[in-house]
Structure formats: C-alpha cells, structure tokens
Amino acid sequence: MLVDDHEDTNRSLVLLLGRRGYKVQSATSLAEARVSCGLETFDVLVCDMNLPDGSGLDLLAQLADRAPRLGGIIVSGYNTEEDVARSLAAGYKAHLGKPVELDKLDAAIKRLGR
C-alpha cells in the first residue's frame, strides 16, 4: 500500500515499483488508505508523513489490529533526527527522505522481507 497525497509522486511510484515486480495499491489520503486496508491485506505500507487528513505516523498503529505483520516505511520531506526518531517510535521500520530514491525504497521493502 502506497499513501501519498502528491498525485504525480503517487503515480510515479506506483509505476516504478510495478516495474520492479511489486503489486501496488495506492491512496492519496488516510481515509482512502483505511478503506483499502479494510478490503485487502498488504505486506508493506509506504506512507507520506504529512497528509491532508492527518499524520501518516498514526496510520500504522490504526491498522495494527487488522494487519499486525504490516511493515511500514515513512517517506517525508521532514528528515531531522527528531523526525526519524518519531517515525521509528510509531512503529515504522524505515524513514526515507523525499524525493524518494527508488533503489533505497526497493531495498527498504526487501529488508522488510516482502
């Protein structure tokens, strides 16, 4: 599951990850992501930190009951040590800066074992 409100980024990442063999469902808001995660099971959540309807930091915890093994990666333009620490404290396994480097995202997904 990819959640990013910037439509060009969302579209590009879906396309590029698809070319690497990943099946990607995308959403542009927390609300859309919650609906999708209620309908399907995902292995990895790649989520923007700041979305129009809330913080991506909260989404992984909100999905924990439905998907306890869901691995999470935050992508964000906010990349201070404090931001990274907040992402990890929220349960995300990786924090990647924007613009996202595809090779780093691919490596993070693979580290999560998916």
PDB file of N, CA and C in Angstrom:
ATOM      1  N   MET A   1       0.851  -1.165   0.000  1.00  0.00           N
ATOM      2  CA  MET A   1       0.000   0.000   0.000  1.00  0.00           C
ATOM      3  C   MET A   1       0.899   1.229   0.000  1.00  0.00           C
ATOM      4  N   LEU A   2       0.649   2.121  -0.932  1.00  0.00           N
ATOM      5  CA  LEU A   2       1.370   3.386  -1.035  1.00  0.00           C
ATOM      6  C   LEU A   2       0.390   4.512  -0.747  1.00  0.00           C
ATOM      7  N   VAL A   3       0.740   5.384   0.193  1.00  0.00           N
ATOM      8  CA  VAL A   3      -0.120   6.513   0.542  1.00  0.00           C
ATOM      9  C   VAL A   3       0.692   7.797   0.385  1.00  0.00           C
ATOM     10  N   ASP A   4       0.324   8.593  -0.597  1.00  0.00           N
ATOM     11  CA  ASP A   4       0.977   9.888  -0.819  1.00  0.00           C
ATOM     12  C   ASP A   4      -0.025  10.805  -1.495  1.00  0.00           C
ATOM     13  N   ASP A   5      -0.207  11.997  -0.952  1.00  0.00           N
ATOM     14  CA  ASP A   5      -1.207  12.920  -1.482  1.00  0.00           C
ATOM     15  C   ASP A   5      -0.735  13.678  -2.716  1.00  0.00           C
ATOM     16  N   HIS A   6       0.553  13.660  -2.995  1.00  0.00           N
ATOM     17  CA  HIS A   6       1.050  14.319  -4.192  1.00  0.00           C
ATOM     18  C   HIS A   6       0.824  13.365  -5.362  1.00  0.00           C
ATOM     19  N   GLU A   7      -0.139  13.694  -6.197  1.00  0.00           N
ATOM     20  CA  GLU A   7      -0.596  12.763  -7.224  1.00  0.00           C
ATOM     21  C   GLU A   7       0.493  12.330  -8.194  1.00  0.00           C
ATOM     22  N   ASP A   8       1.380  13.251  -8.595  1.00  0.00           N
ATOM     23  CA  ASP A   8       2.457  12.878  -9.515  1.00  0.00           C
ATOM     24  C   ASP A   8       3.415  11.886  -8.854  1.00  0.00           C
ATOM     25  N   THR A   9       3.763  12.145  -7.602  1.00  0.00           N
ATOM     26  CA  THR A   9       4.644  11.230  -6.863  1.00  0.00           C
ATOM     27  C   THR A   9       3.973   9.876  -6.714  1.00  0.00           C
ATOM     28  N   ASN A  10       2.709   9.886  -6.345  1.00  0.00           N
ATOM     29  CA  ASN A  10       1.950   8.654  -6.162  1.00  0.00           C
ATOM     30  C   ASN A  10       1.956   7.828  -7.451  1.00  0.00           C
ATOM     31  N   ARG A  11       1.581   8.457  -8.539  1.00  0.00           N
ATOM     32  CA  ARG A  11       1.515   7.773  -9.839  1.00  0.00           C
ATOM     33  C   ARG A  11       2.882   7.224 -10.253  1.00  0.00           C
ATOM     34  N   SER A  12       3.915   8.043 -10.075  1.00  0.00           N
ATOM     35  CA  SER A  12       5.266   7.640 -10.469  1.00  0.00           C
ATOM     36  C   SER A  12       5.754   6.446  -9.668  1.00  0.00           C
ATOM     37  N   LEU A  13       5.545   6.492  -8.349  1.00  0.00           N
ATOM     38  CA  LEU A  13       5.999   5.384  -7.510  1.00  0.00           C
ATOM     39  C   LEU A  13       5.232   4.097  -7.802  1.00  0.00           C
ATOM     40  N   VAL A  14       3.941   4.206  -8.045  1.00  0.00           N
ATOM     41  CA  VAL A  14       3.160   3.015  -8.407  1.00  0.00           C
ATOM     42  C   VAL A  14       3.736   2.401  -9.686  1.00  0.00           C
ATOM     43  N   LEU A  15       3.992   3.218 -10.677  1.00  0.00           N
ATOM     44  CA  LEU A  15       4.536   2.751 -11.945  1.00  0.00           C
ATOM     45  C   LEU A  15       5.925   2.132 -11.770  1.00  0.00           C
ATOM     46  N   LEU A  16       6.811   2.848 -11.070  1.00  0.00           N
ATOM     47  CA  LEU A  16       8.190   2.383 -10.921  1.00  0.00           C
ATOM     48  C   LEU A  16       8.282   1.126 -10.061  1.00  0.00           C
ATOM     49  N   LEU A  17       7.506   1.060  -8.996  1.00  0.00           N
ATOM     50  CA  LEU A  17       7.510  -0.152  -8.168  1.00  0.00           C
ATOM     51  C   LEU A  17       6.890  -1.325  -8.919  1.00  0.00           C
ATOM     52  N   GLY A  18       5.870  -1.038  -9.711  1.00  0.00           N
ATOM     53  CA  GLY A  18       5.267  -2.078 -10.541  1.00  0.00           C
ATOM     54  C   GLY A  18       6.268  -2.662 -11.516  1.00  0.00           C
ATOM     55  N   ARG A  19       7.117  -1.828 -12.069  1.00  0.00           N
ATOM     56  CA  ARG A  19       8.149  -2.308 -12.995  1.00  0.00           C
ATOM     57  C   ARG A  19       9.168  -3.194 -12.288  1.00  0.00           C
ATOM     58  N   ARG A  20       9.276  -3.033 -10.981  1.00  0.00           N
ATOM     59  CA  ARG A  20      10.199  -3.884 -10.203  1.00  0.00           C
ATOM     60  C   ARG A  20       9.504  -5.136  -9.674  1.00  0.00           C
ATOM     61  N   GLY A  21       8.275  -5.342 -10.093  1.00  0.00           N
ATOM     62  CA  GLY A  21       7.589  -6.564  -9.753  1.00  0.00           C
ATOM     63  C   GLY A  21       6.653  -6.499  -8.563  1.00  0.00           C
ATOM     64  N   TYR A  22       6.476  -5.319  -7.989  1.00  0.00           N
ATOM     65  CA  TYR A  22       5.574  -5.179  -6.850  1.00  0.00           C
ATOM     66  C   TYR A  22       4.149  -4.919  -7.316  1.00  0.00           C
ATOM     67  N   LYS A  23       3.205  -5.485  -6.608  1.00  0.00           N
ATOM     68  CA  LYS A  23       1.792  -5.166  -6.825  1.00  0.00           C
ATOM     69  C   LYS A  23       1.482  -4.027  -5.854  1.00  0.00           C
ATOM     70  N   VAL A  24       1.085  -2.883  -6.381  1.00  0.00           N
ATOM     71  CA  VAL A  24       0.917  -1.690  -5.555  1.00  0.00           C
ATOM     72  C   VAL A  24      -0.505  -1.165  -5.646  1.00  0.00           C
ATOM     73  N   GLN A  25      -1.119  -0.981  -4.503  1.00  0.00           N
ATOM     74  CA  GLN A  25      -2.409  -0.280  -4.382  1.00  0.00           C
ATOM     75  C   GLN A  25      -2.063   1.087  -3.806  1.00  0.00           C
ATOM     76  N   SER A  26      -2.677   2.129  -4.294  1.00  0.00           N
ATOM     77  CA  SER A  26      -2.335   3.451  -3.785  1.00  0.00           C
ATOM     78  C   SER A  26      -3.555   4.194  -3.253  1.00  0.00           C
ATOM     79  N   ALA A  27      -3.239   5.164  -2.400  1.00  0.00           N
ATOM     80  CA  ALA A  27      -4.249   6.055  -1.833  1.00  0.00           C
ATOM     81  C   ALA A  27      -3.616   7.435  -1.710  1.00  0.00           C
ATOM     82  N   THR A  28      -4.471   8.457  -1.682  1.00  0.00           N
ATOM     83  CA  THR A  28      -3.960   9.825  -1.547  1.00  0.00           C
ATOM     84  C   THR A  28      -4.335  10.459  -0.216  1.00  0.00           C
ATOM     85  N   SER A  29      -4.939   9.678   0.671  1.00  0.00           N
ATOM     86  CA  SER A  29      -5.312  10.198   1.989  1.00  0.00           C
ATOM     87  C   SER A  29      -5.367   9.048   2.993  1.00  0.00           C
ATOM     88  N   LEU A  30      -5.386   9.396   4.267  1.00  0.00           N
ATOM     89  CA  LEU A  30      -5.517   8.385   5.309  1.00  0.00           C
ATOM     90  C   LEU A  30      -6.855   7.658   5.186  1.00  0.00           C
ATOM     91  N   ALA A  31      -7.901   8.410   4.899  1.00  0.00           N
ATOM     92  CA  ALA A  31      -9.233   7.809   4.774  1.00  0.00           C
ATOM     93  C   ALA A  31      -9.261   6.759   3.668  1.00  0.00           C
ATOM     94  N   GLU A  32      -8.702   7.077   2.500  1.00  0.00           N
ATOM     95  CA  GLU A  32      -8.650   6.117   1.399  1.00  0.00           C
ATOM     96  C   GLU A  32      -7.828   4.889   1.788  1.00  0.00           C
ATOM     97  N   ALA A  33      -6.724   5.111   2.472  1.00  0.00           N
ATOM     98  CA  ALA A  33      -5.855   4.003   2.872  1.00  0.00           C
ATOM     99  C   ALA A  33      -6.570   3.083   3.849  1.00  0.00           C
ATOM    100  N   ARG A  34      -7.305   3.650   4.794  1.00  0.00           N
ATOM    101  CA  ARG A  34      -8.051   2.830   5.761  1.00  0.00           C
ATOM    102  C   ARG A  34      -9.080   1.947   5.056  1.00  0.00           C
ATOM    103  N   VAL A  35      -9.773   2.518   4.083  1.00  0.00           N
ATOM    104  CA  VAL A  35     -10.763   1.743   3.326  1.00  0.00           C
ATOM    105  C   VAL A  35     -10.072   0.606   2.581  1.00  0.00           C
ATOM    106  N   SER A  36      -9.005   0.904   1.862  1.00  0.00           N
ATOM    107  CA  SER A  36      -8.288  -0.121   1.104  1.00  0.00           C
ATOM    108  C   SER A  36      -7.758  -1.220   2.014  1.00  0.00           C
ATOM    109  N   CYS A  37      -7.233  -0.840   3.175  1.00  0.00           N
ATOM    110  CA  CYS A  37      -6.679  -1.826   4.102  1.00  0.00           C
ATOM    111  C   CYS A  37      -7.779  -2.651   4.762  1.00  0.00           C
ATOM    112  N   GLY A  38      -8.993  -2.160   4.741  1.00  0.00           N
ATOM    113  CA  GLY A  38     -10.115  -2.947   5.228  1.00  0.00           C
ATOM    114  C   GLY A  38     -10.597  -3.966   4.215  1.00  0.00           C
ATOM    115  N   LEU A  39     -10.238  -3.745   2.951  1.00  0.00           N
ATOM    116  CA  LEU A  39     -10.694  -4.626   1.874  1.00  0.00           C
ATOM    117  C   LEU A  39      -9.641  -5.635   1.434  1.00  0.00           C
ATOM    118  N   GLU A  40      -8.369  -5.276   1.606  1.00  0.00           N
ATOM    119  CA  GLU A  40      -7.269  -6.130   1.154  1.00  0.00           C
ATOM    120  C   GLU A  40      -6.217  -6.245   2.248  1.00  0.00           C
ATOM    121  N   THR A  41      -5.359  -7.242   2.098  1.00  0.00           N
ATOM    122  CA  THR A  41      -4.228  -7.416   3.004  1.00  0.00           C
ATOM    123  C   THR A  41      -2.962  -6.994   2.280  1.00  0.00           C
ATOM    124  N   PHE A  42      -2.143  -6.230   2.957  1.00  0.00           N
ATOM    125  CA  PHE A  42      -0.889  -5.746   2.372  1.00  0.00           C
ATOM    126  C   PHE A  42       0.281  -6.187   3.233  1.00  0.00           C
ATOM    127  N   ASP A  43       1.436  -6.338   2.604  1.00  0.00           N
ATOM    128  CA  ASP A  43       2.652  -6.703   3.319  1.00  0.00           C
ATOM    129  C   ASP A  43       3.401  -5.480   3.827  1.00  0.00           C
ATOM    130  N   VAL A  44       3.367  -4.410   3.032  1.00  0.00           N
ATOM    131  CA  VAL A  44       4.153  -3.217   3.337  1.00  0.00           C
ATOM    132  C   VAL A  44       3.295  -1.974   3.144  1.00  0.00           C
ATOM    133  N   LEU A  45       3.457  -1.029   4.052  1.00  0.00           N
ATOM    134  CA  LEU A  45       2.830   0.287   3.949  1.00  0.00           C
ATOM    135  C   LEU A  45       3.932   1.303   3.711  1.00  0.00           C
ATOM    136  N   VAL A  46       3.857   2.005   2.587  1.00  0.00           N
ATOM    137  CA  VAL A  46       4.763   3.117   2.294  1.00  0.00           C
ATOM    138  C   VAL A  46       3.897   4.358   2.391  1.00  0.00           C
ATOM    139  N   CYS A  47       4.194   5.206   3.376  1.00  0.00           N
ATOM    140  CA  CYS A  47       3.272   6.296   3.690  1.00  0.00           C
ATOM    141  C   CYS A  47       3.995   7.628   3.854  1.00  0.00           C
ATOM    142  N   ASP A  48       3.447   8.648   3.240  1.00  0.00           N
ATOM    143  CA  ASP A  48       3.906  10.016   3.436  1.00  0.00           C
ATOM    144  C   ASP A  48       3.621  10.409   4.883  1.00  0.00           C
ATOM    145  N   MET A  49       4.484  11.200   5.477  1.00  0.00           N
ATOM    146  CA  MET A  49       4.291  11.590   6.871  1.00  0.00           C
ATOM    147  C   MET A  49       3.134  12.575   7.021  1.00  0.00           C
ATOM    148  N   ASN A  50       3.063  13.554   6.140  1.00  0.00           N
ATOM    149  CA  ASN A  50       2.037  14.592   6.261  1.00  0.00           C
ATOM    150  C   ASN A  50       1.029  14.466   5.131  1.00  0.00           C
ATOM    151  N   LEU A  51      -0.199  14.215   5.523  1.00  0.00           N
ATOM    152  CA  LEU A  51      -1.286  14.059   4.560  1.00  0.00           C
ATOM    153  C   LEU A  51      -2.380  15.065   4.884  1.00  0.00           C
ATOM    154  N   PRO A  52      -3.246  15.362   3.935  1.00  0.00           N
ATOM    155  CA  PRO A  52      -4.253  16.399   4.159  1.00  0.00           C
ATOM    156  C   PRO A  52      -5.213  16.094   5.309  1.00  0.00           C
ATOM    157  N   ASP A  53      -5.408  14.817   5.620  1.00  0.00           N
ATOM    158  CA  ASP A  53      -6.363  14.473   6.684  1.00  0.00           C
ATOM    159  C   ASP A  53      -5.692  13.888   7.923  1.00  0.00           C
ATOM    160  N   GLY A  54      -4.400  14.165   8.092  1.00  0.00           N
ATOM    161  CA  GLY A  54      -3.724  13.735   9.312  1.00  0.00           C
ATOM    162  C   GLY A  54      -2.293  13.303   9.076  1.00  0.00           C
ATOM    163  N   SER A  55      -1.712  12.702  10.093  1.00  0.00           N
ATOM    164  CA  SER A  55      -0.326  12.272  10.042  1.00  0.00           C
ATOM    165  C   SER A  55      -0.215  10.810   9.655  1.00  0.00           C
ATOM    166  N   GLY A  56       0.651  10.535   8.720  1.00  0.00           N
ATOM    167  CA  GLY A  56       0.932   9.160   8.346  1.00  0.00           C
ATOM    168  C   GLY A  56       1.541   8.370   9.488  1.00  0.00           C
ATOM    169  N   LEU A  57       2.103   9.075  10.466  1.00  0.00           N
ATOM    170  CA  LEU A  57       2.675   8.388  11.622  1.00  0.00           C
ATOM    171  C   LEU A  57       1.611   7.591  12.368  1.00  0.00           C
ATOM    172  N   ASP A  58       0.381   8.051  12.330  1.00  0.00           N
ATOM    173  CA  ASP A  58      -0.707   7.392  13.055  1.00  0.00           C
ATOM    174  C   ASP A  58      -1.281   6.182  12.322  1.00  0.00           C
ATOM    175  N   LEU A  59      -1.106   6.121  11.014  1.00  0.00           N
ATOM    176  CA  LEU A  59      -1.790   5.099  10.220  1.00  0.00           C
ATOM    177  C   LEU A  59      -1.358   3.682  10.568  1.00  0.00           C
ATOM    178  N   LEU A  60      -0.080   3.452  10.752  1.00  0.00           N
ATOM    179  CA  LEU A  60       0.402   2.099  11.040  1.00  0.00           C
ATOM    180  C   LEU A  60      -0.233   1.566  12.324  1.00  0.00           C
ATOM    181  N   ALA A  61      -0.303   2.392  13.334  1.00  0.00           N
ATOM    182  CA  ALA A  61      -0.925   1.974  14.606  1.00  0.00           C
ATOM    183  C   ALA A  61      -2.413   1.712  14.418  1.00  0.00           C
ATOM    184  N   GLN A  62      -3.078   2.518  13.599  1.00  0.00           N
ATOM    185  CA  GLN A  62      -4.510   2.339  13.365  1.00  0.00           C
ATOM    186  C   GLN A  62      -4.804   1.037  12.629  1.00  0.00           C
ATOM    187  N   LEU A  63      -3.837   0.545  11.870  1.00  0.00           N
ATOM    188  CA  LEU A  63      -4.038  -0.673  11.094  1.00  0.00           C
ATOM    189  C   LEU A  63      -3.525  -1.920  11.820  1.00  0.00           C
ATOM    190  N   ALA A  64      -2.914  -1.745  12.977  1.00  0.00           N
ATOM    191  CA  ALA A  64      -2.259  -2.851  13.676  1.00  0.00           C
ATOM    192  C   ALA A  64      -3.199  -4.004  14.015  1.00  0.00           C
ATOM    193  N   ASP A  65      -4.436  -3.722  14.392  1.00  0.00           N
ATOM    194  CA  ASP A  65      -5.370  -4.799  14.717  1.00  0.00           C
ATOM    195  C   ASP A  65      -5.706  -5.653  13.500  1.00  0.00           C
ATOM    196  N   ARG A  66      -5.886  -4.986  12.365  1.00  0.00           N
ATOM    197  CA  ARG A  66      -6.254  -5.696  11.133  1.00  0.00           C
ATOM    198  C   ARG A  66      -5.057  -6.346  10.459  1.00  0.00           C
ATOM    199  N   ALA A  67      -3.892  -5.739  10.622  1.00  0.00           N
ATOM    200  CA  ALA A  67      -2.696  -6.220   9.916  1.00  0.00           C
ATOM    201  C   ALA A  67      -1.484  -6.150  10.847  1.00  0.00           C
ATOM    202  N   PRO A  68      -1.403  -7.057  11.821  1.00  0.00           N
ATOM    203  CA  PRO A  68      -0.331  -6.980  12.815  1.00  0.00           C
ATOM    204  C   PRO A  68       1.079  -7.174  12.247  1.00  0.00           C
ATOM    205  N   ARG A  69       1.192  -7.782  11.084  1.00  0.00           N
ATOM    206  CA  ARG A  69       2.513  -8.024  10.485  1.00  0.00           C
ATOM    207  C   ARG A  69       2.875  -7.009   9.408  1.00  0.00           C
ATOM    208  N   LEU A  70       2.051  -5.979   9.262  1.00  0.00           N
ATOM    209  CA  LEU A  70       2.277  -4.958   8.237  1.00  0.00           C
ATOM    210  C   LEU A  70       3.561  -4.186   8.547  1.00  0.00           C
ATOM    211  N   GLY A  71       4.492  -4.204   7.597  1.00  0.00           N
ATOM    212  CA  GLY A  71       5.728  -3.444   7.738  1.00  0.00           C
ATOM    213  C   GLY A  71       5.535  -2.045   7.202  1.00  0.00           C
ATOM    214  N   GLY A  72       6.149  -1.063   7.848  1.00  0.00           N
ATOM    215  CA  GLY A  72       5.927   0.312   7.443  1.00  0.00           C
ATOM    216  C   GLY A  72       7.192   1.083   7.104  1.00  0.00           C
ATOM    217  N   ILE A  73       7.074   1.924   6.070  1.00  0.00           N
ATOM    218  CA  ILE A  73       8.138   2.820   5.632  1.00  0.00           C
ATOM    219  C   ILE A  73       7.533   4.207   5.504  1.00  0.00           C
ATOM    220  N   ILE A  74       8.098   5.171   6.201  1.00  0.00           N
ATOM    221  CA  ILE A  74       7.654   6.566   6.072  1.00  0.00           C
ATOM    222  C   ILE A  74       8.509   7.254   5.020  1.00  0.00           C
ATOM    223  N   VAL A  75       7.875   8.053   4.174  1.00  0.00           N
ATOM    224  CA  VAL A  75       8.590   8.926   3.242  1.00  0.00           C
ATOM    225  C   VAL A  75       8.189  10.352   3.583  1.00  0.00           C
ATOM    226  N   SER A  76       9.181  11.232   3.640  1.00  0.00           N
ATOM    227  CA  SER A  76       8.873  12.575   4.105  1.00  0.00           C
ATOM    228  C   SER A  76       9.912  13.588   3.666  1.00  0.00           C
ATOM    229  N   GLY A  77       9.454  14.810   3.554  1.00  0.00           N
ATOM    230  CA  GLY A  77      10.354  15.933   3.327  1.00  0.00           C
ATOM    231  C   GLY A  77      10.956  16.425   4.631  1.00  0.00           C
ATOM    232  N   TYR A  78      10.465  15.902   5.737  1.00  0.00           N
ATOM    233  CA  TYR A  78      10.967  16.253   7.065  1.00  0.00           C
ATOM    234  C   TYR A  78      11.915  15.153   7.510  1.00  0.00           C
ATOM    235  N   ASN A  79      13.208  15.492   7.611  1.00  0.00           N
ATOM    236  CA  ASN A  79      14.201  14.441   7.796  1.00  0.00           C
ATOM    237  C   ASN A  79      15.219  14.739   8.883  1.00  0.00           C
ATOM    238  N   THR A  80      14.808  15.465   9.908  1.00  0.00           N
ATOM    239  CA  THR A  80      15.717  15.698  11.018  1.00  0.00           C
ATOM    240  C   THR A  80      15.831  14.413  11.839  1.00  0.00           C
ATOM    241  N   GLU A  81      16.800  14.367  12.737  1.00  0.00           N
ATOM    242  CA  GLU A  81      16.940  13.211  13.625  1.00  0.00           C
ATOM    243  C   GLU A  81      15.660  13.003  14.429  1.00  0.00           C
ATOM    244  N   GLU A  82      15.031  14.105  14.818  1.00  0.00           N
ATOM    245  CA  GLU A  82      13.773  14.045  15.574  1.00  0.00           C
ATOM    246  C   GLU A  82      12.654  13.399  14.735  1.00  0.00           C
ATOM    247  N   ASP A  83      12.568  13.780  13.468  1.00  0.00           N
ATOM    248  CA  ASP A  83      11.551  13.213  12.575  1.00  0.00           C
ATOM    249  C   ASP A  83      11.748  11.709  12.403  1.00  0.00           C
ATOM    250  N   VAL A  84      12.993  11.307  12.201  1.00  0.00           N
ATOM    251  CA  VAL A  84      13.302   9.884  12.038  1.00  0.00           C
ATOM    252  C   VAL A  84      12.956   9.137  13.323  1.00  0.00           C
ATOM    253  N   ALA A  85      13.305   9.698  14.465  1.00  0.00           N
ATOM    254  CA  ALA A  85      13.013   9.060  15.755  1.00  0.00           C
ATOM    255  C   ALA A  85      11.495   8.907  15.952  1.00  0.00           C
ATOM    256  N   ARG A  86      10.719   9.915  15.563  1.00  0.00           N
ATOM    257  CA  ARG A  86       9.255   9.821  15.689  1.00  0.00           C
ATOM    258  C   ARG A  86       8.700   8.719  14.797  1.00  0.00           C
ATOM    259  N   SER A  87       9.242   8.583  13.588  1.00  0.00           N
ATOM    260  CA  SER A  87       8.797   7.530  12.671  1.00  0.00           C
ATOM    261  C   SER A  87       9.060   6.152  13.263  1.00  0.00           C
ATOM    262  N   LEU A  88      10.255   5.960  13.775  1.00  0.00           N
ATOM    263  CA  LEU A  88      10.613   4.667  14.351  1.00  0.00           C
ATOM    264  C   LEU A  88       9.798   4.385  15.610  1.00  0.00           C
ATOM    265  N   ALA A  89       9.567   5.411  16.420  1.00  0.00           N
ATOM    266  CA  ALA A  89       8.750   5.241  17.631  1.00  0.00           C
ATOM    267  C   ALA A  89       7.311   4.873  17.284  1.00  0.00           C
ATOM    268  N   ALA A  90       6.838   5.315  16.119  1.00  0.00           N
ATOM    269  CA  ALA A  90       5.475   4.997  15.676  1.00  0.00           C
ATOM    270  C   ALA A  90       5.372   3.589  15.096  1.00  0.00           C
ATOM    271  N   GLY A  91       6.504   2.882  15.014  1.00  0.00           N
ATOM    272  CA  GLY A  91       6.486   1.505  14.530  1.00  0.00           C
ATOM    273  C   GLY A  91       6.974   1.312  13.109  1.00  0.00           C
ATOM    274  N   TYR A  92       7.305   2.397  12.436  1.00  0.00           N
ATOM    275  CA  TYR A  92       7.833   2.272  11.077  1.00  0.00           C
ATOM    276  C   TYR A  92       9.255   1.728  11.140  1.00  0.00           C
ATOM    277  N   LYS A  93       9.630   0.932  10.158  1.00  0.00           N
ATOM    278  CA  LYS A  93      10.949   0.296  10.130  1.00  0.00           C
ATOM    279  C   LYS A  93      11.981   1.106   9.360  1.00  0.00           C
ATOM    280  N   ALA A  94      11.514   2.087   8.586  1.00  0.00           N
ATOM    281  CA  ALA A  94      12.426   2.926   7.810  1.00  0.00           C
ATOM    282  C   ALA A  94      11.809   4.299   7.605  1.00  0.00           C
ATOM    283  N   HIS A  95      12.672   5.294   7.489  1.00  0.00           N
ATOM    284  CA  HIS A  95      12.265   6.676   7.218  1.00  0.00           C
ATOM    285  C   HIS A  95      13.127   7.136   6.048  1.00  0.00           C
ATOM    286  N   LEU A  96      12.492   7.394   4.903  1.00  0.00           N
ATOM    287  CA  LEU A  96      13.207   7.822   3.708  1.00  0.00           C
ATOM    288  C   LEU A  96      12.838   9.253   3.363  1.00  0.00           C
ATOM    289  N   GLY A  97      13.849  10.025   2.985  1.00  0.00           N
ATOM    290  CA  GLY A  97      13.618  11.411   2.617  1.00  0.00           C
ATOM    291  C   GLY A  97      13.078  11.547   1.212  1.00  0.00           C
ATOM    292  N   LYS A  98      12.363  12.639   1.009  1.00  0.00           N
ATOM    293  CA  LYS A  98      11.864  12.981  -0.324  1.00  0.00           C
ATOM    294  C   LYS A  98      12.839  13.964  -0.953  1.00  0.00           C
ATOM    295  N   PRO A  99      13.053  13.902  -2.235  1.00  0.00           N
ATOM    296  CA  PRO A  99      12.449  12.949  -3.148  1.00  0.00           C
ATOM    297  C   PRO A  99      12.995  11.544  -2.884  1.00  0.00           C
ATOM    298  N   VAL A 100      12.116  10.570  -2.980  1.00  0.00           N
ATOM    299  CA  VAL A 100      12.462   9.188  -2.673  1.00  0.00           C
ATOM    300  C   VAL A 100      13.354   8.617  -3.765  1.00  0.00           C
ATOM    301  N   GLU A 101      14.461   8.016  -3.343  1.00  0.00           N
ATOM    302  CA  GLU A 101      15.322   7.306  -4.288  1.00  0.00           C
ATOM    303  C   GLU A 101      14.771   5.886  -4.414  1.00  0.00           C
ATOM    304  N   LEU A 102      14.425   5.502  -5.619  1.00  0.00           N
ATOM    305  CA  LEU A 102      13.769   4.220  -5.853  1.00  0.00           C
ATOM    306  C   LEU A 102      14.597   3.043  -5.336  1.00  0.00           C
ATOM    307  N   ASP A 103      15.906   3.082  -5.530  1.00  0.00           N
ATOM    308  CA  ASP A 103      16.746   1.982  -5.058  1.00  0.00           C
ATOM    309  C   ASP A 103      16.691   1.854  -3.538  1.00  0.00           C
ATOM    310  N   LYS A 104      16.655   2.977  -2.842  1.00  0.00           N
ATOM    311  CA  LYS A 104      16.560   2.936  -1.377  1.00  0.00           C
ATOM    312  C   LYS A 104      15.196   2.417  -0.928  1.00  0.00           C
ATOM    313  N   LEU A 105      14.147   2.816  -1.625  1.00  0.00           N
ATOM    314  CA  LEU A 105      12.815   2.330  -1.296  1.00  0.00           C
ATOM    315  C   LEU A 105      12.727   0.829  -1.553  1.00  0.00           C
ATOM    316  N   ASP A 106      13.239   0.396  -2.677  1.00  0.00           N
ATOM    317  CA  ASP A 106      13.244  -1.029  -3.017  1.00  0.00           C
ATOM    318  C   ASP A 106      14.007  -1.820  -1.956  1.00  0.00           C
ATOM    319  N   ALA A 107      15.163  -1.323  -1.537  1.00  0.00           N
ATOM    320  CA  ALA A 107      15.962  -2.007  -0.516  1.00  0.00           C
ATOM    321  C   ALA A 107      15.213  -2.078   0.813  1.00  0.00           C
ATOM    322  N   ALA A 108      14.526  -1.001   1.171  1.00  0.00           N
ATOM    323  CA  ALA A 108      13.762  -0.988   2.425  1.00  0.00           C
ATOM    324  C   ALA A 108      12.621  -1.994   2.379  1.00  0.00           C
ATOM    325  N   ILE A 109      11.941  -2.087   1.244  1.00  0.00           N
ATOM    326  CA  ILE A 109      10.870  -3.066   1.081  1.00  0.00           C
ATOM    327  C   ILE A 109      11.432  -4.481   1.217  1.00  0.00           C
ATOM    328  N   LYS A 110      12.549  -4.732   0.584  1.00  0.00           N
ATOM    329  CA  LYS A 110      13.175  -6.062   0.651  1.00  0.00           C
ATOM    330  C   LYS A 110      13.634  -6.382   2.078  1.00  0.00           C
ATOM    331  N   ARG A 111      14.130  -5.381   2.812  1.00  0.00           N
ATOM    332  CA  ARG A 111      14.545  -5.606   4.210  1.00  0.00           C
ATOM    333  C   ARG A 111      13.366  -6.042   5.077  1.00  0.00           C
ATOM    334  N   LEU A 112      12.185  -5.587   4.717  1.00  0.00           N
ATOM    335  CA  LEU A 112      11.002  -5.983   5.458  1.00  0.00           C
ATOM    336  C   LEU A 112      10.577  -7.412   5.110  1.00  0.00           C
ATOM    337  N   GLY A 113      11.318  -8.028   4.181  1.00  0.00           N
ATOM    338  CA  GLY A 113      11.067  -9.422   3.851  1.00  0.00           C
ATOM    339  C   GLY A 113       9.937  -9.663   2.895  1.00  0.00           C
ATOM    340  N   ARG A 114       9.584  -8.668   2.094  1.00  0.00           N
ATOM    341  CA  ARG A 114       8.449  -8.817   1.178  1.00  0.00           C
ATOM    342  C   ARG A 114       8.955  -8.800  -0.243  1.00  0.00           C
TER     343      ARG A 114
END
